[in-house]
């Protein structure tokens, strides 16, 4: 996914997410969030090393049911799923190690 790709205002339902096959990274945040903008290069770098992972950038905020179902409180929050099940989570990454550790947990 391109670095300039905005967070999507539409999100899959929790039932759809739970049915995803393979590795999926849910990236919750907003385009105006300074933490999200600061973490973007780290996230893009980490995802580039795992091209088979599906990456969904999802706009989060009050009244957004998918983020609430994962109890997202800070942005960006990355949820690493394998076959619809959460395996790892990274909140406000500050280095690439945390993202690599999350991908390693999927193996």
C-alpha atoms as a PDB file:
ATOM      1  CA  UNK A   1       0.000   0.000   0.000  1.00  0.00           C
ATOM      2  CA  UNK A   2       1.346   3.414  -0.917  1.00  0.00           C
ATOM      3  CA  UNK A   3       2.525   5.681   1.881  1.00  0.00           C
ATOM      4  CA  UNK A   4       0.146   8.433   0.774  1.00  0.00           C
ATOM      5  CA  UNK A   5      -2.891   6.139   0.919  1.00  0.00           C
ATOM      6  CA  UNK A   6      -5.423   7.740   3.300  1.00  0.00           C
ATOM      7  CA  UNK A   7      -7.176   5.896   6.089  1.00  0.00           C
ATOM      8  CA  UNK A   8     -10.406   4.421   4.742  1.00  0.00           C
ATOM      9  CA  UNK A   9     -13.619   5.849   6.143  1.00  0.00           C
ATOM     10  CA  UNK A  10     -15.378   2.567   5.446  1.00  0.00           C
ATOM     11  CA  UNK A  11     -14.450  -0.523   7.393  1.00  0.00           C
ATOM     12  CA  UNK A  12     -15.327  -4.189   7.197  1.00  0.00           C
ATOM     13  CA  UNK A  13     -17.605  -5.549   9.877  1.00  0.00           C
ATOM     14  CA  UNK A  14     -16.144  -7.482  12.782  1.00  0.00           C
ATOM     15  CA  UNK A  15     -17.705 -10.664  11.342  1.00  0.00           C
ATOM     16  CA  UNK A  16     -15.913 -10.025   8.031  1.00  0.00           C
ATOM     17  CA  UNK A  17     -12.603  -9.435   9.839  1.00  0.00           C
ATOM     18  CA  UNK A  18     -13.029 -12.610  11.890  1.00  0.00           C
ATOM     19  CA  UNK A  19     -13.480 -14.537   8.617  1.00  0.00           C
ATOM     20  CA  UNK A  20     -10.303 -13.161   6.948  1.00  0.00           C
ATOM     21  CA  UNK A  21      -7.878 -15.850   5.826  1.00  0.00           C
ATOM     22  CA  UNK A  22      -4.121 -15.497   6.138  1.00  0.00           C
ATOM     23  CA  UNK A  23      -2.149 -12.603   7.559  1.00  0.00           C
ATOM     24  CA  UNK A  24      -3.908  -9.251   7.843  1.00  0.00           C
ATOM     25  CA  UNK A  25      -2.680  -6.060   9.505  1.00  0.00           C
ATOM     26  CA  UNK A  26      -5.397  -3.663  10.621  1.00  0.00           C
ATOM     27  CA  UNK A  27      -3.956  -0.156  10.923  1.00  0.00           C
ATOM     28  CA  UNK A  28      -6.253   2.094  12.982  1.00  0.00           C
ATOM     29  CA  UNK A  29      -5.684   5.860  12.952  1.00  0.00           C
ATOM     30  CA  UNK A  30      -6.607   9.084  11.177  1.00  0.00           C
ATOM     31  CA  UNK A  31      -4.982  11.163   8.475  1.00  0.00           C
ATOM     32  CA  UNK A  32      -4.713  14.220  10.747  1.00  0.00           C
ATOM     33  CA  UNK A  33      -3.113  12.350  13.694  1.00  0.00           C
ATOM     34  CA  UNK A  34       0.454  13.506  14.337  1.00  0.00           C
ATOM     35  CA  UNK A  35       1.419  10.156  15.891  1.00  0.00           C
ATOM     36  CA  UNK A  36       0.083   8.371  12.797  1.00  0.00           C
ATOM     37  CA  UNK A  37       2.032  10.653  10.483  1.00  0.00           C
ATOM     38  CA  UNK A  38       5.203  10.178  12.532  1.00  0.00           C
ATOM     39  CA  UNK A  39       4.879   6.376  12.591  1.00  0.00           C
ATOM     40  CA  UNK A  40       3.988   6.057   8.906  1.00  0.00           C
ATOM     41  CA  UNK A  41       7.579   5.511   7.637  1.00  0.00           C
ATOM     42  CA  UNK A  42       8.170   2.763  10.235  1.00  0.00           C
ATOM     43  CA  UNK A  43       4.894   1.058   9.401  1.00  0.00           C
ATOM     44  CA  UNK A  44       5.498   1.237   5.651  1.00  0.00           C
ATOM     45  CA  UNK A  45       9.040  -0.099   6.088  1.00  0.00           C
ATOM     46  CA  UNK A  46       7.806  -3.016   8.198  1.00  0.00           C
ATOM     47  CA  UNK A  47       5.021  -3.872   5.791  1.00  0.00           C
ATOM     48  CA  UNK A  48       7.370  -3.701   2.797  1.00  0.00           C
ATOM     49  CA  UNK A  49       9.335  -6.608   4.275  1.00  0.00           C
ATOM     50  CA  UNK A  50       6.129  -8.683   4.392  1.00  0.00           C
ATOM     51  CA  UNK A  51       4.414  -8.170   1.026  1.00  0.00           C
ATOM     52  CA  UNK A  52       2.117 -11.176   1.494  1.00  0.00           C
ATOM     53  CA  UNK A  53       0.395  -9.493   4.437  1.00  0.00           C
ATOM     54  CA  UNK A  54      -2.862  -7.720   3.649  1.00  0.00           C
ATOM     55  CA  UNK A  55      -2.809  -4.166   5.064  1.00  0.00           C
ATOM     56  CA  UNK A  56      -6.009  -2.277   5.818  1.00  0.00           C
ATOM     57  CA  UNK A  57      -5.781   1.357   6.925  1.00  0.00           C
ATOM     58  CA  UNK A  58      -8.988   2.105   8.787  1.00  0.00           C
ATOM     59  CA  UNK A  59     -10.049   5.499  10.074  1.00  0.00           C
ATOM     60  CA  UNK A  60     -10.919   5.249  13.737  1.00  0.00           C
ATOM     61  CA  UNK A  61     -12.729   7.456  16.198  1.00  0.00           C
ATOM     62  CA  UNK A  62     -15.868   7.743  18.305  1.00  0.00           C
ATOM     63  CA  UNK A  63     -18.741   5.690  16.958  1.00  0.00           C
ATOM     64  CA  UNK A  64     -16.485   3.499  14.802  1.00  0.00           C
ATOM     65  CA  UNK A  65     -17.546  -0.036  15.740  1.00  0.00           C
ATOM     66  CA  UNK A  66     -14.545  -1.970  14.399  1.00  0.00           C
ATOM     67  CA  UNK A  67     -12.013  -0.013  16.439  1.00  0.00           C
ATOM     68  CA  UNK A  68     -14.204  -0.294  19.511  1.00  0.00           C
ATOM     69  CA  UNK A  69     -14.511  -4.070  19.047  1.00  0.00           C
ATOM     70  CA  UNK A  70     -10.687  -4.280  19.256  1.00  0.00           C
ATOM     71  CA  UNK A  71     -10.607  -1.806  22.179  1.00  0.00           C
ATOM     72  CA  UNK A  72      -8.396   0.636  20.258  1.00  0.00           C
ATOM     73  CA  UNK A  73      -7.607   3.635  22.449  1.00  0.00           C
ATOM     74  CA  UNK A  74      -4.488   5.229  20.891  1.00  0.00           C
ATOM     75  CA  UNK A  75      -3.428   5.833  17.295  1.00  0.00           C
ATOM     76  CA  UNK A  76      -1.877   4.346  15.394  1.00  0.00           C
ATOM     77  CA  UNK A  77      -2.727   0.861  16.590  1.00  0.00           C
ATOM     78  CA  UNK A  78      -1.716  -2.091  14.429  1.00  0.00           C
ATOM     79  CA  UNK A  79      -3.601  -5.345  14.967  1.00  0.00           C
ATOM     80  CA  UNK A  80      -1.859  -8.394  13.467  1.00  0.00           C
ATOM     81  CA  UNK A  81      -4.309 -11.159  12.562  1.00  0.00           C
ATOM     82  CA  UNK A  82      -3.843 -14.710  11.382  1.00  0.00           C
ATOM     83  CA  UNK A  83      -6.998 -16.284   9.980  1.00  0.00           C
ATOM     84  CA  UNK A  84      -9.122 -13.637  11.704  1.00  0.00           C
ATOM     85  CA  UNK A  85      -7.565 -14.107  15.160  1.00  0.00           C
ATOM     86  CA  UNK A  86      -5.491 -11.403  16.841  1.00  0.00           C
ATOM     87  CA  UNK A  87      -1.928 -12.606  17.379  1.00  0.00           C
ATOM     88  CA  UNK A  88      -0.107  -9.350  18.119  1.00  0.00           C
ATOM     89  CA  UNK A  89      -0.689  -5.643  18.575  1.00  0.00           C
ATOM     90  CA  UNK A  90       1.588  -2.617  18.268  1.00  0.00           C
ATOM     91  CA  UNK A  91       0.497   0.758  19.629  1.00  0.00           C
ATOM     92  CA  UNK A  92       2.314   3.925  18.527  1.00  0.00           C
ATOM     93  CA  UNK A  93       5.431   2.230  17.159  1.00  0.00           C
ATOM     94  CA  UNK A  94       8.629   4.187  17.669  1.00  0.00           C
ATOM     95  CA  UNK A  95      10.999   1.712  16.016  1.00  0.00           C
ATOM     96  CA  UNK A  96      10.843  -1.068  13.459  1.00  0.00           C
ATOM     97  CA  UNK A  97      11.665  -3.753  16.042  1.00  0.00           C
ATOM     98  CA  UNK A  98       8.147  -3.770  17.505  1.00  0.00           C
ATOM     99  CA  UNK A  99       6.638  -4.281  14.053  1.00  0.00           C
ATOM    100  CA  UNK A 100       9.090  -7.063  13.219  1.00  0.00           C
ATOM    101  CA  UNK A 101       8.360  -8.729  16.573  1.00  0.00           C
ATOM    102  CA  UNK A 102       4.643  -8.664  15.767  1.00  0.00           C
ATOM    103  CA  UNK A 103       5.233 -10.275  12.378  1.00  0.00           C
ATOM    104  CA  UNK A 104       7.459 -12.903  14.064  1.00  0.00           C
ATOM    105  CA  UNK A 105       4.571 -13.776  16.398  1.00  0.00           C
ATOM    106  CA  UNK A 106       2.542 -14.741  13.314  1.00  0.00           C
ATOM    107  CA  UNK A 107       4.966 -17.532  12.400  1.00  0.00           C
END
